[in-house]
Protein backbone atom coordinates (compact mmCIF):
# COMPACT_ATOMS: atom_id res chain seq x y z
CA MET A 1 -41.29 27.18 -16.75
CA ASP A 2 -38.29 26.59 -19.00
CA PRO A 3 -38.05 29.26 -21.74
CA LEU A 4 -37.91 26.53 -24.39
CA THR A 5 -41.14 24.91 -23.16
CA THR A 6 -44.30 25.72 -25.08
CA VAL A 7 -47.81 24.94 -23.94
CA VAL A 8 -49.59 24.10 -27.17
CA GLU A 9 -52.93 23.31 -25.58
CA PHE A 10 -54.02 22.86 -22.00
CA GLU A 11 -53.39 19.12 -22.29
CA VAL A 12 -50.31 19.21 -24.60
CA LEU A 13 -46.80 20.47 -23.85
CA ARG A 14 -43.69 20.64 -26.07
CA ASN A 15 -40.15 20.98 -24.77
CA LEU A 16 -36.67 21.45 -26.27
CA LYS A 17 -33.59 20.56 -24.18
CA ALA A 18 -29.95 20.95 -25.14
CA ARG A 19 -27.65 18.19 -23.88
CA TYR A 20 -23.92 17.43 -23.86
CA CYS A 21 -22.36 14.17 -22.71
CA ARG A 22 -18.87 12.76 -22.35
CA LEU A 23 -18.29 9.04 -21.84
CA LEU A 24 -14.99 7.43 -20.88
CA ASP A 25 -14.21 3.76 -21.36
CA THR A 26 -11.95 2.94 -18.41
CA ARG A 27 -10.52 -0.16 -20.11
CA ASP A 28 -8.64 1.78 -22.78
CA PHE A 29 -9.54 5.38 -21.84
CA ALA A 30 -11.35 5.95 -25.12
CA LYS A 31 -13.50 9.05 -24.94
CA VAL A 32 -16.82 9.65 -26.73
CA CYS A 33 -18.34 13.13 -26.73
CA GLY A 34 -21.74 14.08 -28.02
CA ALA A 35 -24.18 16.96 -28.05
CA GLY A 36 -27.66 17.51 -29.35
CA HIS A 37 -31.22 18.50 -28.65
CA TYR A 38 -34.13 16.53 -27.24
CA HIS A 39 -37.46 17.46 -28.80
CA GLU A 40 -40.19 16.20 -26.47
CA SER A 41 -43.94 16.40 -26.33
CA TYR A 42 -46.17 15.40 -23.44
CA VAL A 43 -49.88 14.74 -23.24
CA LYS A 44 -51.96 14.93 -20.09
CA ALA A 45 -54.16 11.84 -19.73
CA ASP A 46 -56.04 10.71 -16.65
CA GLY A 47 -54.51 13.59 -14.69
CA ARG A 48 -50.91 12.51 -15.41
CA TRP A 49 -48.37 13.83 -17.91
CA ARG A 50 -47.03 11.17 -20.27
CA ILE A 51 -44.34 11.33 -22.95
CA ALA A 52 -46.01 11.37 -26.38
CA THR A 53 -42.89 11.82 -28.56
CA LEU A 54 -39.15 11.94 -27.93
CA GLU A 55 -36.61 12.75 -30.65
CA LEU A 56 -32.86 13.32 -30.36
CA THR A 57 -31.10 15.50 -32.92
CA ARG A 58 -27.31 15.13 -32.73
CA THR A 59 -25.23 18.22 -33.39
CA LEU A 60 -21.87 16.71 -32.36
CA LEU A 61 -20.49 13.19 -32.13
CA GLU A 62 -16.77 12.61 -31.53
CA LEU A 63 -15.67 8.97 -31.54
CA PRO A 64 -12.24 7.62 -30.61
CA ARG A 65 -9.81 7.01 -33.45
């Protein structure tokens, strides 16, 4: 299990993921970079895990000038 994953209850799970992305527009080669954290929670219902909440917190956003 991921070290940033916490089992809150047997049927509830919380997860924190760090992400970084870089996008390039090939028309004018403009670059967008971003980083942040996904805060997720899952609930087990009918034997299947389902996303209950999903939140993105941005820590970096670089837009072209």
